[in-house]
N, C-alpha and C. Protein backbone atom coordinates (compact mmCIF):
# COMPACT_ATOMS: atom_id res chain seq x y z
N MET A 1 29.20 -7.84 4.05
CA MET A 1 28.16 -8.25 2.86
C MET A 1 28.06 -6.98 2.09
N SER A 2 28.02 -7.08 0.99
CA SER A 2 28.36 -5.85 0.03
C SER A 2 26.65 -5.40 -0.17
N ARG A 3 26.75 -4.03 -0.64
CA ARG A 3 25.25 -3.17 -0.65
C ARG A 3 24.69 -3.93 -1.67
N ARG A 4 25.15 -4.47 -2.86
CA ARG A 4 24.36 -5.18 -3.84
C ARG A 4 23.88 -6.36 -3.26
N SER A 5 24.82 -7.34 -2.45
CA SER A 5 24.08 -8.50 -1.94
C SER A 5 22.98 -8.45 -0.95
N PHE A 6 23.22 -7.17 -0.10
CA PHE A 6 21.95 -6.94 0.74
C PHE A 6 20.65 -6.41 0.09
N LEU A 7 20.87 -5.71 -1.08
CA LEU A 7 19.76 -5.50 -1.89
C LEU A 7 19.12 -6.60 -2.57
N ARG A 8 19.83 -7.46 -3.18
CA ARG A 8 19.28 -8.55 -3.56
C ARG A 8 18.73 -9.41 -2.71
N GLY A 9 19.21 -9.63 -1.58
CA GLY A 9 18.59 -10.68 -0.45
C GLY A 9 17.18 -9.91 -0.17
N ALA A 10 17.19 -8.61 0.34
CA ALA A 10 16.11 -7.85 0.52
C ALA A 10 15.06 -7.90 -0.27
N THR A 11 15.41 -7.73 -1.61
CA THR A 11 14.24 -7.82 -2.65
C THR A 11 13.60 -9.38 -2.92
N GLN A 12 14.40 -10.32 -2.41
CA GLN A 12 13.93 -11.64 -2.69
C GLN A 12 13.03 -12.04 -1.50
N VAL A 13 13.31 -11.40 -0.21
CA VAL A 13 12.52 -11.55 0.91
C VAL A 13 11.22 -10.58 0.76
N ALA A 14 11.35 -9.57 0.27
CA ALA A 14 10.31 -8.87 -0.01
C ALA A 14 9.39 -9.42 -1.07
N ALA A 15 9.97 -9.90 -1.82
CA ALA A 15 8.89 -10.37 -3.12
C ALA A 15 8.26 -11.64 -2.43
N ALA A 16 8.88 -12.50 -1.65
CA ALA A 16 8.36 -13.70 -1.16
C ALA A 16 7.29 -13.35 -0.21
N GLY A 17 7.44 -12.20 0.40
CA GLY A 17 6.10 -11.90 1.54
C GLY A 17 5.24 -10.86 1.07
N SER A 18 5.49 -10.27 0.09
CA SER A 18 4.37 -9.47 -0.70
C SER A 18 3.64 -9.80 -1.69
N MET A 19 3.64 -11.16 -1.99
CA MET A 19 2.80 -11.62 -2.91
C MET A 19 1.33 -11.98 -2.22
N ILE A 20 0.25 -11.87 -3.16
CA ILE A 20 -1.04 -12.04 -2.66
C ILE A 20 -1.77 -12.90 -3.74
N GLY A 21 -2.10 -14.32 -3.15
CA GLY A 21 -2.83 -15.41 -3.67
C GLY A 21 -1.57 -16.16 -4.27
N SER A 22 -1.80 -17.34 -3.96
CA SER A 22 -0.48 -18.43 -4.27
C SER A 22 -0.51 -18.80 -5.60
N SER A 23 -1.66 -18.52 -6.32
CA SER A 23 -1.66 -18.84 -7.77
C SER A 23 -0.64 -18.02 -8.56
N ALA A 24 -0.21 -16.88 -8.02
CA ALA A 24 0.55 -16.20 -9.03
C ALA A 24 2.11 -15.94 -8.20
N ALA A 25 2.11 -16.92 -6.90
CA ALA A 25 3.35 -16.49 -6.23
C ALA A 25 4.64 -16.80 -6.81
N ASP A 26 4.82 -18.09 -7.40
CA ASP A 26 5.94 -18.63 -8.15
C ASP A 26 6.52 -17.76 -9.19
N GLU A 27 5.25 -17.31 -10.12
CA GLU A 27 5.69 -16.50 -11.21
C GLU A 27 6.29 -15.19 -10.64
N MET A 28 5.73 -14.37 -9.79
CA MET A 28 6.07 -13.17 -9.24
C MET A 28 7.29 -13.40 -8.55
N ALA A 29 7.44 -14.23 -7.82
CA ALA A 29 9.07 -14.70 -7.02
C ALA A 29 9.89 -14.78 -8.18
N ALA A 30 9.72 -15.21 -9.11
CA ALA A 30 10.84 -15.54 -10.34
C ALA A 30 10.98 -14.11 -10.74
N SER A 31 9.97 -13.44 -10.97
CA SER A 31 10.20 -12.14 -11.55
C SER A 31 10.91 -11.22 -10.69
N GLU A 32 10.76 -11.09 -9.48
CA GLU A 32 11.24 -10.27 -8.62
C GLU A 32 12.67 -10.64 -8.51
N ALA A 33 12.93 -12.01 -8.30
CA ALA A 33 14.34 -12.47 -8.20
C ALA A 33 15.27 -12.04 -9.54
N ALA A 34 14.52 -11.78 -10.78
CA ALA A 34 15.26 -11.66 -12.05
C ALA A 34 15.50 -9.98 -11.79
N GLY A 35 14.52 -9.31 -11.29
CA GLY A 35 14.68 -7.65 -11.13
C GLY A 35 15.89 -7.59 -10.17
N ALA A 36 15.90 -8.25 -9.11
CA ALA A 36 17.03 -8.18 -8.10
C ALA A 36 18.57 -8.16 -8.78
N SER A 37 18.50 -9.23 -9.54
CA SER A 37 19.93 -9.46 -10.09
C SER A 37 20.15 -8.27 -11.12
N GLU A 38 19.23 -7.51 -11.62
CA GLU A 38 19.90 -6.55 -12.67
C GLU A 38 19.70 -5.12 -11.67
N VAL A 39 19.52 -4.91 -10.52
CA VAL A 39 19.61 -3.70 -9.66
C VAL A 39 21.14 -3.49 -9.60
N GLU A 40 21.63 -2.25 -9.87
CA GLU A 40 22.69 -1.77 -9.71
C GLU A 40 23.04 -1.73 -8.16
N ALA A 41 24.32 -1.46 -7.85
CA ALA A 41 24.56 -1.26 -6.26
C ALA A 41 24.17 0.35 -6.01
N LEU A 42 23.58 0.76 -5.23
CA LEU A 42 23.08 2.10 -5.01
C LEU A 42 23.58 2.82 -3.63
N ARG A 43 23.96 4.02 -3.84
CA ARG A 43 24.87 4.68 -2.64
C ARG A 43 24.07 5.96 -2.63
N GLY A 44 23.54 6.14 -1.64
CA GLY A 44 22.58 7.53 -1.27
C GLY A 44 21.58 7.55 -2.15
N ALA A 45 20.99 8.59 -2.35
CA ALA A 45 19.88 9.00 -3.11
C ALA A 45 20.09 8.68 -4.55
N SER A 46 19.12 7.88 -5.14
CA SER A 46 19.38 7.81 -6.67
C SER A 46 18.18 8.11 -7.57
N GLU A 47 18.14 8.79 -8.57
CA GLU A 47 16.92 9.21 -9.24
C GLU A 47 16.48 7.93 -10.10
N LEU A 48 15.32 7.70 -9.90
CA LEU A 48 14.67 6.44 -10.61
C LEU A 48 13.58 7.15 -11.41
N GLU A 49 13.30 6.44 -12.70
CA GLU A 49 11.94 6.68 -13.33
C GLU A 49 11.02 5.41 -13.26
N ILE A 50 9.98 5.62 -12.51
CA ILE A 50 8.90 4.55 -12.44
C ILE A 50 7.76 4.87 -13.41
N SER A 51 6.98 3.73 -14.03
CA SER A 51 5.75 4.15 -14.90
C SER A 51 4.67 3.64 -13.66
N VAL A 52 3.88 4.69 -13.38
CA VAL A 52 3.02 4.65 -12.68
C VAL A 52 1.67 5.04 -13.22
N ASN A 53 0.59 4.07 -13.20
CA ASN A 53 -0.80 4.30 -13.95
C ASN A 53 -0.42 5.07 -15.28
N GLY A 54 0.45 4.64 -16.12
CA GLY A 54 0.69 4.57 -17.49
C GLY A 54 1.55 5.90 -17.75
N LYS A 55 2.09 6.59 -16.57
CA LYS A 55 2.88 7.72 -16.88
C LYS A 55 4.16 7.67 -16.11
N LEU A 56 5.32 8.06 -16.95
CA LEU A 56 6.51 7.84 -16.14
C LEU A 56 6.63 9.08 -15.00
N ARG A 57 7.16 8.43 -13.91
CA ARG A 57 7.07 9.53 -12.90
C ARG A 57 8.86 9.79 -12.20
N THR A 58 9.44 10.59 -12.15
CA THR A 58 10.69 10.39 -11.37
C THR A 58 10.73 10.78 -10.35
N VAL A 59 11.57 10.00 -9.27
CA VAL A 59 11.56 10.03 -7.79
C VAL A 59 12.98 9.81 -7.57
N GLU A 60 13.35 10.52 -6.45
CA GLU A 60 14.89 10.42 -5.78
C GLU A 60 14.50 9.62 -4.54
N VAL A 61 15.26 8.44 -4.39
CA VAL A 61 15.01 7.61 -3.37
C VAL A 61 16.19 6.78 -3.00
N GLU A 62 16.37 6.51 -1.81
CA GLU A 62 17.41 5.76 -1.19
C GLU A 62 17.01 4.10 -1.41
N PRO A 63 18.26 3.29 -1.31
CA PRO A 63 18.18 2.08 -1.53
C PRO A 63 17.11 1.34 -0.78
N ARG A 64 16.72 1.82 0.50
CA ARG A 64 15.91 1.43 1.40
C ARG A 64 14.32 1.95 1.27
N THR A 65 14.33 2.86 0.44
CA THR A 65 12.91 3.32 0.16
C THR A 65 11.90 2.19 -0.28
N THR A 66 10.70 2.23 0.29
CA THR A 66 9.94 1.10 -0.22
C THR A 66 9.05 1.79 -1.35
N LEU A 67 8.34 0.91 -2.18
CA LEU A 67 7.47 1.75 -3.09
C LEU A 67 6.39 2.36 -2.63
N LEU A 68 5.84 2.00 -1.28
CA LEU A 68 4.91 2.57 -0.71
C LEU A 68 5.24 4.17 -0.40
N GLN A 69 6.57 4.09 0.22
CA GLN A 69 7.06 5.37 0.42
C GLN A 69 7.23 6.37 -0.59
N ALA A 70 7.82 5.68 -1.72
CA ALA A 70 7.97 6.51 -2.91
C ALA A 70 6.78 7.19 -3.58
N LEU A 71 5.65 6.19 -3.35
CA LEU A 71 4.28 7.02 -3.97
C LEU A 71 3.72 7.88 -3.15
N ARG A 72 3.95 7.82 -1.80
CA ARG A 72 3.17 8.85 -0.95
C ARG A 72 3.90 10.05 -0.81
N THR A 73 5.32 9.89 -0.69
CA THR A 73 5.99 11.10 -0.04
C THR A 73 7.01 11.66 -0.91
N HIS A 74 7.43 10.76 -2.10
CA HIS A 74 8.60 11.10 -2.87
C HIS A 74 8.28 11.57 -4.15
N MET A 75 6.84 11.35 -4.57
CA MET A 75 6.53 11.80 -6.01
C MET A 75 5.74 13.16 -5.67
N GLU A 76 5.78 13.87 -6.94
CA GLU A 76 5.27 15.26 -6.81
C GLU A 76 4.19 15.38 -8.00
N PRO A 77 2.94 15.38 -7.99
CA PRO A 77 2.19 15.55 -6.73
C PRO A 77 2.07 13.82 -6.22
N PRO A 78 1.94 13.87 -4.85
CA PRO A 78 2.06 12.24 -4.33
C PRO A 78 0.65 11.52 -4.62
N LEU A 79 0.87 10.31 -4.48
CA LEU A 79 -0.24 9.26 -4.68
C LEU A 79 -0.65 8.51 -3.45
N THR A 80 -1.48 9.18 -2.77
CA THR A 80 -1.73 8.82 -1.36
C THR A 80 -3.04 7.73 -1.31
N GLY A 81 -3.47 7.55 -2.49
CA GLY A 81 -4.51 6.33 -2.35
C GLY A 81 -3.92 5.18 -2.00
N THR A 82 -2.87 4.79 -2.07
CA THR A 82 -2.27 3.55 -1.36
C THR A 82 -1.85 4.06 -0.01
N LYS A 83 -2.57 3.09 0.97
CA LYS A 83 -2.62 3.56 2.45
C LYS A 83 -1.51 2.80 3.01
N GLU A 84 -1.01 3.14 3.84
CA GLU A 84 0.21 2.67 4.76
C GLU A 84 -0.45 2.47 6.04
N VAL A 85 -0.52 0.99 6.46
CA VAL A 85 -1.33 0.80 7.72
C VAL A 85 -0.39 -0.14 8.74
N CYS A 86 -0.14 -1.35 8.29
CA CYS A 86 0.60 -2.36 9.12
C CYS A 86 1.98 -2.03 8.71
N GLY A 87 2.60 -1.73 7.60
CA GLY A 87 4.00 -1.81 7.23
C GLY A 87 4.61 -2.93 7.28
N MET A 88 3.99 -4.23 7.65
CA MET A 88 4.65 -5.40 7.58
C MET A 88 4.14 -6.41 6.50
N GLY A 89 3.25 -6.19 5.46
CA GLY A 89 2.82 -7.01 4.52
C GLY A 89 1.93 -7.86 5.29
N SER A 90 0.95 -7.35 6.15
CA SER A 90 -0.14 -8.39 6.93
C SER A 90 -1.42 -7.84 6.34
N CYS A 91 -1.70 -6.67 5.94
CA CYS A 91 -3.26 -6.14 6.00
C CYS A 91 -3.64 -5.94 4.55
N GLY A 92 -2.70 -5.56 3.67
CA GLY A 92 -3.20 -5.35 2.28
C GLY A 92 -3.64 -4.12 1.85
N ALA A 93 -3.65 -3.18 2.79
CA ALA A 93 -4.07 -1.92 2.36
C ALA A 93 -3.26 -1.04 1.57
N CYS A 94 -1.77 -1.54 1.28
CA CYS A 94 -1.17 -0.63 0.50
C CYS A 94 -0.96 -1.69 -0.99
N THR A 95 -2.10 -2.46 -1.30
CA THR A 95 -1.71 -3.19 -2.35
C THR A 95 -1.92 -2.45 -3.68
N VAL A 96 -0.79 -2.88 -4.75
CA VAL A 96 -0.93 -2.21 -5.83
C VAL A 96 -0.57 -3.49 -7.03
N LEU A 97 -0.61 -3.21 -8.14
CA LEU A 97 -0.22 -3.93 -9.35
C LEU A 97 1.06 -3.62 -9.83
N ILE A 98 1.85 -4.71 -9.92
CA ILE A 98 3.06 -4.68 -10.29
C ILE A 98 3.37 -5.43 -11.23
N ASP A 99 3.40 -5.32 -12.80
CA ASP A 99 3.58 -5.98 -13.74
C ASP A 99 2.06 -6.87 -13.84
N GLY A 100 1.01 -6.06 -13.60
CA GLY A 100 -0.15 -6.77 -13.48
C GLY A 100 -0.81 -7.61 -12.60
N GLN A 101 0.21 -7.90 -11.58
CA GLN A 101 0.03 -8.65 -10.35
C GLN A 101 -0.11 -8.15 -9.06
N PRO A 102 -1.18 -8.42 -8.02
CA PRO A 102 -1.14 -7.45 -6.85
C PRO A 102 0.01 -7.81 -6.05
N ALA A 103 0.66 -6.89 -5.31
CA ALA A 103 1.71 -6.84 -4.48
C ALA A 103 1.70 -6.07 -3.36
N TYR A 104 2.14 -6.07 -2.02
CA TYR A 104 2.28 -5.13 -1.10
C TYR A 104 3.14 -4.29 -1.30
N SER A 105 3.17 -2.95 -1.50
CA SER A 105 4.04 -2.03 -1.95
C SER A 105 4.85 -1.57 -0.69
N CYS A 106 4.36 -2.03 0.69
CA CYS A 106 5.28 -1.66 1.92
C CYS A 106 6.37 -2.83 1.82
N LEU A 107 6.39 -3.98 1.14
CA LEU A 107 7.32 -4.69 1.23
C LEU A 107 8.35 -4.80 -0.17
N THR A 108 8.03 -3.89 -1.14
CA THR A 108 8.69 -3.86 -2.33
C THR A 108 9.33 -2.66 -2.38
N LEU A 109 10.85 -3.08 -2.63
CA LEU A 109 11.81 -1.80 -2.75
C LEU A 109 11.59 -1.02 -4.12
N ALA A 110 11.38 0.25 -3.80
CA ALA A 110 11.22 1.17 -4.97
C ALA A 110 12.13 0.96 -6.16
N ALA A 111 13.36 0.82 -5.95
CA ALA A 111 14.81 0.49 -6.64
C ALA A 111 14.26 -0.53 -7.73
N THR A 112 13.70 -1.75 -7.29
CA THR A 112 13.37 -2.82 -7.99
C THR A 112 12.12 -2.67 -9.13
N CYS A 113 11.52 -1.39 -9.05
CA CYS A 113 10.46 -0.97 -9.86
C CYS A 113 10.57 -0.14 -11.09
N ALA A 114 11.73 0.07 -11.43
CA ALA A 114 12.26 1.08 -12.48
C ALA A 114 11.70 0.29 -13.76
N GLY A 115 11.24 0.73 -14.73
CA GLY A 115 10.82 0.11 -15.81
C GLY A 115 9.61 -0.77 -15.94
N ARG A 116 8.97 -1.02 -14.79
CA ARG A 116 7.94 -1.89 -14.51
C ARG A 116 6.66 -1.04 -14.37
N PRO A 117 5.62 -1.75 -15.14
CA PRO A 117 4.37 -0.85 -14.94
C PRO A 117 3.59 -1.04 -13.46
N ILE A 118 3.34 -0.02 -12.74
CA ILE A 118 2.80 -0.10 -11.48
C ILE A 118 1.20 0.55 -11.97
N THR A 119 0.32 -0.02 -11.08
CA THR A 119 -1.10 0.52 -10.94
C THR A 119 -1.41 0.85 -9.73
N THR A 120 -1.89 2.04 -9.44
CA THR A 120 -2.27 2.15 -7.83
C THR A 120 -3.96 2.39 -8.11
N VAL A 121 -4.62 2.66 -6.97
CA VAL A 121 -6.12 2.67 -7.02
C VAL A 121 -6.39 3.83 -7.73
N GLU A 122 -5.75 5.01 -7.79
CA GLU A 122 -5.87 6.17 -8.62
C GLU A 122 -5.92 5.91 -10.12
N GLY A 123 -5.22 4.57 -10.57
CA GLY A 123 -5.22 4.46 -12.11
C GLY A 123 -6.27 3.68 -12.31
N PHE A 124 -7.47 3.14 -11.78
CA PHE A 124 -8.57 2.70 -11.97
C PHE A 124 -9.77 3.47 -12.35
N GLY A 125 -9.76 4.78 -11.84
CA GLY A 125 -10.82 5.71 -12.01
C GLY A 125 -10.63 6.79 -11.00
N SER A 126 -11.64 7.75 -11.15
CA SER A 126 -11.73 9.04 -10.17
C SER A 126 -12.93 9.22 -9.63
N PRO A 127 -13.10 10.01 -8.66
CA PRO A 127 -14.59 10.25 -8.09
C PRO A 127 -15.62 10.52 -9.38
N ASP A 128 -15.07 11.20 -10.35
CA ASP A 128 -16.12 11.65 -11.46
C ASP A 128 -16.00 10.60 -12.60
N ALA A 129 -15.36 9.69 -12.48
CA ALA A 129 -15.13 8.50 -13.55
C ALA A 129 -14.91 7.25 -12.56
N MET A 130 -15.69 6.62 -12.19
CA MET A 130 -14.96 5.57 -11.20
C MET A 130 -15.05 4.32 -12.26
N SER A 131 -14.21 3.15 -11.83
CA SER A 131 -14.30 1.86 -12.50
C SER A 131 -15.59 1.25 -11.80
N ASP A 132 -15.78 0.03 -12.54
CA ASP A 132 -17.07 -0.69 -12.38
C ASP A 132 -17.05 -1.20 -10.74
N VAL A 133 -15.54 -1.49 -10.49
CA VAL A 133 -15.45 -2.05 -9.10
C VAL A 133 -15.39 -0.93 -8.27
N GLN A 134 -14.92 0.22 -8.64
CA GLN A 134 -15.07 1.34 -7.38
C GLN A 134 -16.46 1.77 -7.32
N GLN A 135 -17.30 1.65 -8.39
CA GLN A 135 -18.63 2.02 -8.21
C GLN A 135 -19.73 1.07 -7.53
N ALA A 136 -19.36 -0.08 -7.45
CA ALA A 136 -19.75 -1.28 -6.75
C ALA A 136 -19.54 -1.15 -5.20
N PHE A 137 -18.32 -0.75 -5.10
CA PHE A 137 -17.95 -0.68 -3.55
C PHE A 137 -18.87 0.52 -2.94
N CYS A 138 -19.02 1.54 -3.70
CA CYS A 138 -19.77 2.45 -3.23
C CYS A 138 -21.56 2.17 -3.16
N ASP A 139 -21.81 1.43 -4.07
CA ASP A 139 -23.12 0.94 -4.04
C ASP A 139 -23.53 -0.01 -3.17
N LYS A 140 -22.68 -0.81 -2.70
CA LYS A 140 -22.70 -2.07 -1.74
C LYS A 140 -22.45 -1.62 -0.34
N ASP A 141 -21.93 -0.14 -0.35
CA ASP A 141 -21.45 0.26 0.95
C ASP A 141 -20.13 -0.83 1.59
N GLY A 142 -19.14 -1.03 0.75
CA GLY A 142 -18.17 -1.96 0.97
C GLY A 142 -16.91 -1.14 1.54
N MET A 143 -17.19 -0.22 2.69
CA MET A 143 -16.09 0.33 3.24
C MET A 143 -16.88 1.06 4.49
N MET A 144 -15.82 1.01 5.59
CA MET A 144 -16.43 1.73 6.81
C MET A 144 -15.08 2.79 6.88
N CYS A 145 -14.16 2.37 7.81
CA CYS A 145 -13.20 3.56 7.96
C CYS A 145 -12.35 4.04 6.73
N GLY A 146 -12.34 3.01 5.86
CA GLY A 146 -11.64 3.54 4.44
C GLY A 146 -10.39 3.08 4.35
N PHE A 147 -9.63 2.79 5.41
CA PHE A 147 -8.07 2.34 5.31
C PHE A 147 -7.71 1.29 4.39
N CYS A 148 -8.80 0.29 4.46
CA CYS A 148 -8.37 -0.87 3.55
C CYS A 148 -9.00 -0.84 2.46
N THR A 149 -9.87 0.09 2.05
CA THR A 149 -10.60 0.02 0.89
C THR A 149 -9.67 0.25 -0.57
N PRO A 150 -9.07 1.14 -0.72
CA PRO A 150 -8.19 1.13 -1.83
C PRO A 150 -7.42 -0.28 -2.13
N GLY A 151 -6.79 -0.94 -1.18
CA GLY A 151 -6.18 -2.25 -1.45
C GLY A 151 -7.23 -3.18 -1.76
N PHE A 152 -8.53 -3.06 -1.42
CA PHE A 152 -9.55 -4.42 -1.61
C PHE A 152 -9.75 -3.72 -3.16
N VAL A 153 -9.90 -2.66 -3.37
CA VAL A 153 -10.48 -2.17 -4.98
C VAL A 153 -9.33 -2.88 -5.74
N VAL A 154 -8.16 -2.58 -5.29
CA VAL A 154 -7.21 -3.15 -6.51
C VAL A 154 -6.97 -4.49 -6.52
N ALA A 155 -7.01 -5.32 -5.29
CA ALA A 155 -7.22 -6.67 -5.46
C ALA A 155 -8.36 -7.26 -6.00
N THR A 156 -9.41 -6.60 -5.68
CA THR A 156 -10.67 -7.03 -6.63
C THR A 156 -10.66 -6.75 -8.04
N HIS A 157 -10.01 -5.94 -8.71
CA HIS A 157 -9.77 -5.80 -9.98
C HIS A 157 -8.98 -6.89 -10.42
N ALA A 158 -7.78 -7.34 -9.66
CA ALA A 158 -6.91 -8.40 -9.92
C ALA A 158 -7.79 -9.57 -9.82
N ALA A 159 -8.40 -10.01 -8.86
CA ALA A 159 -9.27 -11.22 -8.68
C ALA A 159 -10.14 -11.43 -9.91
N LEU A 160 -10.92 -10.29 -9.95
CA LEU A 160 -11.84 -10.59 -11.26
C LEU A 160 -11.37 -10.84 -12.64
N GLU A 161 -10.00 -10.31 -12.82
CA GLU A 161 -9.27 -10.28 -14.06
C GLU A 161 -8.80 -11.95 -13.99
N ARG A 162 -8.23 -12.36 -12.97
CA ARG A 162 -7.83 -13.68 -12.74
C ARG A 162 -8.69 -14.79 -12.91
N ALA A 163 -10.01 -14.66 -12.42
CA ALA A 163 -11.00 -15.23 -12.02
C ALA A 163 -12.48 -14.87 -12.19
N PRO A 164 -12.57 -14.36 -13.61
CA PRO A 164 -14.00 -13.74 -13.72
C PRO A 164 -15.35 -14.54 -13.36
N GLU A 165 -15.29 -15.70 -13.35
CA GLU A 165 -16.36 -16.52 -13.05
C GLU A 165 -16.28 -17.06 -11.59
N ALA A 166 -15.40 -16.55 -10.63
CA ALA A 166 -15.10 -17.22 -9.52
C ALA A 166 -16.46 -17.45 -8.57
N ASP A 167 -16.49 -18.35 -7.84
CA ASP A 167 -17.62 -18.33 -7.06
C ASP A 167 -17.28 -17.82 -5.66
N LEU A 168 -18.43 -17.61 -4.88
CA LEU A 168 -17.92 -16.97 -3.41
C LEU A 168 -16.83 -17.42 -2.83
N ASP A 169 -16.93 -18.61 -2.56
CA ASP A 169 -15.61 -19.38 -1.80
C ASP A 169 -14.15 -18.87 -2.68
N GLU A 170 -14.23 -18.86 -3.97
CA GLU A 170 -13.14 -18.37 -4.74
C GLU A 170 -12.89 -16.94 -4.62
N LEU A 171 -13.72 -16.18 -4.66
CA LEU A 171 -13.56 -14.89 -4.11
C LEU A 171 -13.08 -14.64 -3.00
N LYS A 172 -13.49 -15.30 -1.94
CA LYS A 172 -12.79 -15.14 -0.69
C LYS A 172 -11.35 -15.41 -0.63
N TYR A 173 -11.14 -16.59 -1.37
CA TYR A 173 -9.65 -16.94 -1.51
C TYR A 173 -8.77 -15.99 -2.08
N GLN A 174 -9.29 -15.49 -3.19
CA GLN A 174 -8.71 -14.40 -4.03
C GLN A 174 -8.49 -13.10 -3.43
N LEU A 175 -9.06 -12.68 -2.42
CA LEU A 175 -9.21 -11.53 -1.75
C LEU A 175 -8.68 -11.79 -0.18
N SER A 176 -7.93 -13.06 0.10
CA SER A 176 -7.83 -13.33 1.47
C SER A 176 -6.29 -12.58 1.83
N GLY A 177 -5.80 -11.89 1.06
CA GLY A 177 -4.40 -11.28 1.20
C GLY A 177 -4.75 -9.74 1.88
N ASN A 178 -6.17 -9.63 2.01
CA ASN A 178 -6.43 -8.26 2.39
C ASN A 178 -7.35 -8.23 3.68
N LEU A 179 -7.16 -7.57 4.37
CA LEU A 179 -7.85 -7.54 5.84
C LEU A 179 -8.44 -6.44 6.07
N CYS A 180 -9.91 -6.43 6.68
CA CYS A 180 -10.68 -5.34 7.14
C CYS A 180 -10.94 -5.27 8.68
N ARG A 181 -10.49 -4.38 9.41
CA ARG A 181 -10.67 -4.47 10.83
C ARG A 181 -11.95 -4.04 11.06
N CYS A 182 -12.61 -3.58 10.28
CA CYS A 182 -14.17 -3.16 10.38
C CYS A 182 -14.97 -4.29 10.26
N GLY A 183 -14.59 -5.33 9.60
CA GLY A 183 -15.62 -6.47 9.33
C GLY A 183 -16.48 -6.29 8.10
N THR A 184 -16.26 -5.37 7.31
CA THR A 184 -16.95 -5.29 6.19
C THR A 184 -17.20 -6.26 4.82
N TYR A 185 -16.55 -7.29 5.28
CA TYR A 185 -16.19 -8.47 4.18
C TYR A 185 -17.60 -8.75 3.35
N PRO A 186 -18.81 -8.88 4.06
CA PRO A 186 -19.91 -9.65 3.25
C PRO A 186 -20.17 -8.34 2.06
N HIS A 187 -20.07 -6.84 2.54
CA HIS A 187 -20.37 -5.87 1.46
C HIS A 187 -18.96 -6.11 0.45
N VAL A 188 -17.87 -6.31 0.97
CA VAL A 188 -16.78 -6.42 -0.12
C VAL A 188 -17.26 -7.56 -1.40
N PHE A 189 -17.51 -8.66 -0.66
CA PHE A 189 -17.83 -9.91 -1.64
C PHE A 189 -19.12 -9.44 -2.42
N GLU A 190 -20.30 -8.62 -1.93
CA GLU A 190 -21.29 -8.38 -2.55
C GLU A 190 -20.95 -7.52 -3.93
N ALA A 191 -20.10 -6.46 -3.67
CA ALA A 191 -19.39 -5.52 -4.36
C ALA A 191 -18.92 -6.40 -5.64
N ALA A 192 -18.08 -7.24 -5.32
CA ALA A 192 -17.53 -8.15 -6.37
C ALA A 192 -18.48 -8.90 -7.29
N GLN A 193 -19.38 -9.66 -6.55
CA GLN A 193 -20.40 -10.26 -7.40
C GLN A 193 -21.21 -9.47 -8.31
N ALA A 194 -21.43 -8.27 -7.57
CA ALA A 194 -22.10 -7.28 -8.61
C ALA A 194 -21.49 -6.86 -9.63
N VAL A 195 -20.21 -6.73 -9.58
CA VAL A 195 -19.46 -6.67 -10.95
C VAL A 195 -19.40 -7.69 -11.78
N GLN A 196 -19.44 -8.83 -11.02
CA GLN A 196 -19.32 -10.10 -12.16
C GLN A 196 -20.73 -10.05 -12.76
N GLU A 197 -21.90 -9.78 -12.24
CA GLU A 197 -23.27 -9.96 -12.59
C GLU A 197 -23.06 -8.90 -14.00
N ASP A 198 -22.66 -7.81 -13.59
CA ASP A 198 -23.09 -6.68 -14.55
C ASP A 198 -22.21 -7.02 -15.80
N ARG A 199 -20.74 -7.43 -15.69
CA ARG A 199 -20.20 -7.92 -16.71
C ARG A 199 -20.63 -9.00 -17.45
N ALA A 200 -21.60 -10.09 -16.82
CA ALA A 200 -22.02 -11.22 -17.51
C ALA A 200 -23.12 -10.80 -18.29
N ARG A 201 -23.78 -9.54 -17.92
CA ARG A 201 -25.02 -8.74 -18.72
C ARG A 201 -24.63 -8.13 -19.90
N GLY A 202 -23.09 -7.77 -19.92
CA GLY A 202 -22.39 -7.10 -21.06
C GLY A 202 -22.21 -5.75 -20.74
N GLY A 203 -21.97 -5.66 -19.29
CA GLY A 203 -21.50 -4.17 -18.79
C GLY A 203 -20.02 -4.08 -19.20
N GLU A 204 -19.48 -2.89 -19.27
CA GLU A 204 -18.19 -2.67 -19.71
C GLU A 204 -17.49 -2.48 -18.39
N GLY A 205 -16.51 -3.72 -18.12
CA GLY A 205 -15.51 -3.60 -17.00
C GLY A 205 -14.23 -2.59 -17.34
N ARG A 206 -14.13 -1.76 -16.26
CA ARG A 206 -12.75 -1.13 -16.43
C ARG A 206 -12.28 -0.82 -15.15
């Protein structure tokens, strides 16, 4: 098997496993497959330009480097908001947006992300200027140990973009790709609903 074939196959497997929410699965799988077909064969470390939170970042990675690893250990300064927990696409702590769609960065090869917009939790706000979702998580105490929180914040932004008027059952479905081992789900859902209510009153979502 050539390196190109391996990379293409690995990317397609990663795309199938990394998608959150079946409503976007087909579209994202097709997008990942298209991206895989355009990736050149890589040998050793290669320099890539990745657009992260609206800024081009240059990283040097090997073909096997995941987007999560690239964000946390290959960028300078590193972006550590995206958390590494399970490493298997099971928990959602590493959720980022790729082309505006939520994906598990632990299952996404960094090499497939060149030229594609990536948004991490840092891209939504900062402690001094939080997004409405981040503020709601603080107000509703939607966190305990905090490892799952960044992934939930990203996934909640995406869920409210896809389904701004979702009821509780739909919100649960939209966020089902993210797990909280501490069991703070009620507070997470309250935070999402608080954002919905604020936006319905004319609050500025960001």
